[in-house]
N, C-alpha and C. Protein backbone atom coordinates (compact mmCIF):
# COMPACT_ATOMS: atom_id res chain seq x y z
N MET A 1 29.27 -38.93 -1.28
CA MET A 1 29.77 -37.44 -1.75
C MET A 1 29.86 -37.00 -1.16
N THR A 2 30.95 -36.19 -1.28
CA THR A 2 31.30 -34.96 -0.41
C THR A 2 30.94 -33.83 -1.15
N MET A 3 30.89 -32.73 -0.69
CA MET A 3 30.93 -31.15 -1.36
C MET A 3 32.52 -30.38 -1.21
N THR A 4 32.81 -30.03 -2.44
CA THR A 4 33.99 -29.63 -2.54
C THR A 4 34.09 -27.99 -2.22
N ASP A 5 35.27 -27.46 -2.15
CA ASP A 5 34.88 -26.09 -1.82
C ASP A 5 33.87 -25.12 -2.25
N LYS A 6 33.98 -25.61 -3.90
CA LYS A 6 33.26 -24.54 -4.92
C LYS A 6 31.66 -25.27 -4.90
N ASP A 7 31.46 -26.51 -4.10
CA ASP A 7 29.49 -26.40 -3.72
C ASP A 7 29.60 -25.67 -2.66
N VAL A 8 29.99 -25.75 -1.61
CA VAL A 8 29.94 -24.79 -0.51
C VAL A 8 30.19 -23.27 -0.99
N LYS A 9 30.75 -22.91 -1.60
CA LYS A 9 30.74 -21.54 -1.82
C LYS A 9 29.78 -21.32 -2.82
N GLU A 10 28.78 -21.81 -4.34
CA GLU A 10 28.20 -22.05 -4.62
C GLU A 10 26.28 -22.11 -3.88
N TYR A 11 26.80 -23.08 -2.80
CA TYR A 11 25.40 -23.39 -2.18
C TYR A 11 24.88 -22.03 -1.00
N HIS A 12 25.90 -21.41 -0.63
CA HIS A 12 26.04 -20.78 0.43
C HIS A 12 25.66 -19.04 -0.57
N LYS A 13 25.91 -19.24 -1.91
CA LYS A 13 25.77 -17.76 -2.71
C LYS A 13 24.12 -18.34 -2.76
N MET A 14 23.57 -19.57 -3.63
CA MET A 14 22.24 -19.61 -3.16
C MET A 14 21.33 -19.16 -1.90
N ILE A 15 21.89 -19.38 -1.07
CA ILE A 15 20.67 -19.65 0.05
C ILE A 15 20.85 -17.81 0.08
N LYS A 16 21.70 -17.20 0.29
CA LYS A 16 22.42 -15.66 0.21
C LYS A 16 21.04 -14.98 -1.00
N LYS A 17 21.40 -16.03 -2.30
CA LYS A 17 20.63 -15.15 -3.13
C LYS A 17 18.54 -14.99 -2.94
N LEU A 18 18.63 -16.67 -2.31
CA LEU A 18 17.25 -16.46 -2.13
C LEU A 18 16.99 -15.96 -0.70
N LYS A 19 17.93 -15.49 0.73
CA LYS A 19 17.33 -15.07 1.87
C LYS A 19 17.24 -13.29 1.12
N GLU A 20 17.14 -12.78 0.12
CA GLU A 20 17.58 -12.00 -0.36
C GLU A 20 15.67 -11.67 -1.31
N GLN A 21 15.95 -12.44 -2.13
CA GLN A 21 14.67 -12.80 -2.54
C GLN A 21 13.44 -12.50 -1.68
N ASN A 22 13.55 -12.91 -0.75
CA ASN A 22 12.50 -13.19 -0.02
C ASN A 22 12.05 -12.07 0.60
N ARG A 23 13.22 -11.18 1.23
CA ARG A 23 13.52 -9.82 1.90
C ARG A 23 12.40 -9.24 1.24
N PHE A 24 13.01 -9.43 -0.07
CA PHE A 24 12.70 -8.49 -0.96
C PHE A 24 10.66 -8.29 -1.64
N GLN A 25 10.27 -9.96 -0.96
CA GLN A 25 8.98 -10.34 -0.88
C GLN A 25 8.14 -9.50 -0.31
N LYS A 26 8.77 -10.18 1.29
CA LYS A 26 7.77 -8.96 2.58
C LYS A 26 8.41 -7.89 2.23
N GLU A 27 9.07 -6.80 2.17
CA GLU A 27 9.20 -5.59 2.20
C GLU A 27 7.76 -5.34 0.82
N GLU A 28 7.69 -5.59 -0.49
CA GLU A 28 7.17 -5.49 -1.17
C GLU A 28 5.40 -5.85 -1.14
N LYS A 29 5.08 -6.85 -0.17
CA LYS A 29 4.00 -7.18 0.47
C LYS A 29 3.75 -6.04 1.68
N LEU A 30 4.48 -5.49 1.90
CA LEU A 30 4.29 -4.54 3.35
C LEU A 30 3.94 -3.16 2.31
N TYR A 31 5.10 -2.79 1.60
CA TYR A 31 4.47 -1.72 0.61
C TYR A 31 2.40 -1.99 0.01
N GLY A 32 3.18 -2.89 -0.51
CA GLY A 32 1.45 -3.04 -1.02
C GLY A 32 0.33 -2.73 0.18
N GLU A 33 0.07 -3.59 0.79
CA GLU A 33 -0.32 -3.05 2.28
C GLU A 33 -0.96 -1.88 2.17
N LYS A 34 0.28 -1.25 2.85
CA LYS A 34 0.45 -0.05 2.94
C LYS A 34 -0.35 1.21 2.12
N GLU A 35 -0.38 1.24 0.89
CA GLU A 35 -0.86 1.53 -0.35
C GLU A 35 -2.36 1.54 -0.16
N ASN A 36 -2.60 0.32 -0.22
CA ASN A 36 -4.10 -0.48 0.08
C ASN A 36 -4.52 0.70 1.06
N GLU A 37 -4.07 0.80 2.78
CA GLU A 37 -4.41 1.31 3.64
C GLU A 37 -4.77 3.15 3.06
N GLU A 38 -3.58 3.52 2.34
CA GLU A 38 -3.69 4.69 2.42
C GLU A 38 -4.62 5.39 0.73
N LEU A 39 -5.01 4.57 0.36
CA LEU A 39 -6.03 4.64 -0.94
C LEU A 39 -7.41 4.34 -0.37
N ALA A 40 -7.26 3.75 0.38
CA ALA A 40 -8.64 3.36 1.67
C ALA A 40 -8.98 4.35 2.35
N GLU A 41 -8.03 5.40 2.80
CA GLU A 41 -8.09 6.40 3.70
C GLU A 41 -8.44 7.34 2.58
N SER A 42 -7.50 7.53 1.79
CA SER A 42 -8.25 8.66 0.47
C SER A 42 -9.60 8.54 0.11
N TYR A 43 -9.58 7.65 -0.31
CA TYR A 43 -11.45 7.20 -0.80
C TYR A 43 -12.13 7.68 0.34
N LYS A 44 -12.71 7.52 1.57
CA LYS A 44 -13.12 8.04 2.90
C LYS A 44 -13.04 9.53 2.86
N GLU A 45 -11.50 9.81 2.74
CA GLU A 45 -11.51 11.65 2.88
C GLU A 45 -12.95 11.70 1.71
N SER A 46 -12.47 11.16 0.58
CA SER A 46 -12.89 11.91 -0.72
C SER A 46 -14.45 11.93 -0.63
N ARG A 47 -14.94 10.93 0.38
CA ARG A 47 -16.52 10.90 -0.08
C ARG A 47 -17.17 11.78 1.00
N ARG A 48 -16.20 11.89 2.44
CA ARG A 48 -16.74 12.67 3.79
C ARG A 48 -16.61 14.03 2.55
N GLN A 49 -15.40 14.73 2.17
CA GLN A 49 -15.40 15.97 0.97
C GLN A 49 -16.69 16.00 0.24
N GLN A 50 -17.10 15.17 -0.50
CA GLN A 50 -18.03 15.02 -1.47
C GLN A 50 -19.59 15.52 -0.53
N LYS A 51 -19.55 14.69 0.41
CA LYS A 51 -21.13 14.92 1.15
C LYS A 51 -21.08 16.02 2.03
N GLU A 52 -19.61 16.77 2.07
CA GLU A 52 -19.86 17.91 2.58
C GLU A 52 -19.94 19.52 1.34
N ARG A 53 -19.82 18.80 0.69
CA ARG A 53 -19.85 19.62 -1.05
C ARG A 53 -21.52 20.00 -0.74
N GLU A 54 -22.25 18.27 -1.16
CA GLU A 54 -23.46 18.24 -1.70
C GLU A 54 -24.40 18.76 -0.16
N GLU A 55 -24.15 19.09 1.22
CA GLU A 55 -24.66 19.34 2.51
C GLU A 55 -24.53 21.39 2.23
N ASN A 56 -23.28 21.86 2.12
CA ASN A 56 -22.99 23.04 1.59
C ASN A 56 -23.93 23.69 0.56
N GLU A 57 -24.39 22.73 -0.17
CA GLU A 57 -25.20 22.99 -1.89
C GLU A 57 -26.59 23.43 -0.74
N GLU A 58 -26.84 22.47 -0.92
CA GLU A 58 -28.16 22.60 0.02
C GLU A 58 -28.54 23.19 1.01
N TYR A 59 -27.39 23.82 2.10
CA TYR A 59 -27.83 24.93 2.87
C TYR A 59 -27.87 26.34 2.16
N LEU A 60 -26.93 26.17 1.10
CA LEU A 60 -26.99 27.53 -0.18
C LEU A 60 -28.42 27.88 -0.68
N LYS A 61 -28.92 26.44 -1.06
CA LYS A 61 -29.50 26.50 -1.71
C LYS A 61 -31.13 26.78 -1.04
N GLU A 62 -31.59 26.69 0.29
CA GLU A 62 -32.07 26.81 1.47
C GLU A 62 -32.34 28.60 1.68
N ILE A 63 -30.93 29.13 1.62
CA ILE A 63 -30.69 30.66 2.01
C ILE A 63 -31.05 31.12 0.79
N LYS A 64 -30.97 30.98 -0.08
CA LYS A 64 -31.23 31.47 -1.58
C LYS A 64 -32.96 31.35 -1.73
N ASP A 65 -33.53 30.25 -1.56
CA ASP A 65 -35.33 30.09 -1.38
C ASP A 65 -35.47 31.04 -0.41
N LYS A 66 -35.06 31.20 0.41
CA LYS A 66 -35.96 32.57 1.52
C LYS A 66 -35.70 33.84 1.58
N LEU A 67 -34.47 33.80 0.44
CA LEU A 67 -34.03 35.68 0.43
C LEU A 67 -35.10 35.76 -0.63
């Protein structure tokens, strides 16, 4: 059984479509990883800021108590 020109064109069309899907999945995975890294960094920053606020509140309370 041999492939006709139409079969060859369909085959190449399917291969191209599969390559595009694979590229899209890779990009989506990279985007997801980057987004997770950004969320983790944002969480760390938020925790750091919260700790700073708590330390500042304690410091202000100490000063108020001394006055």
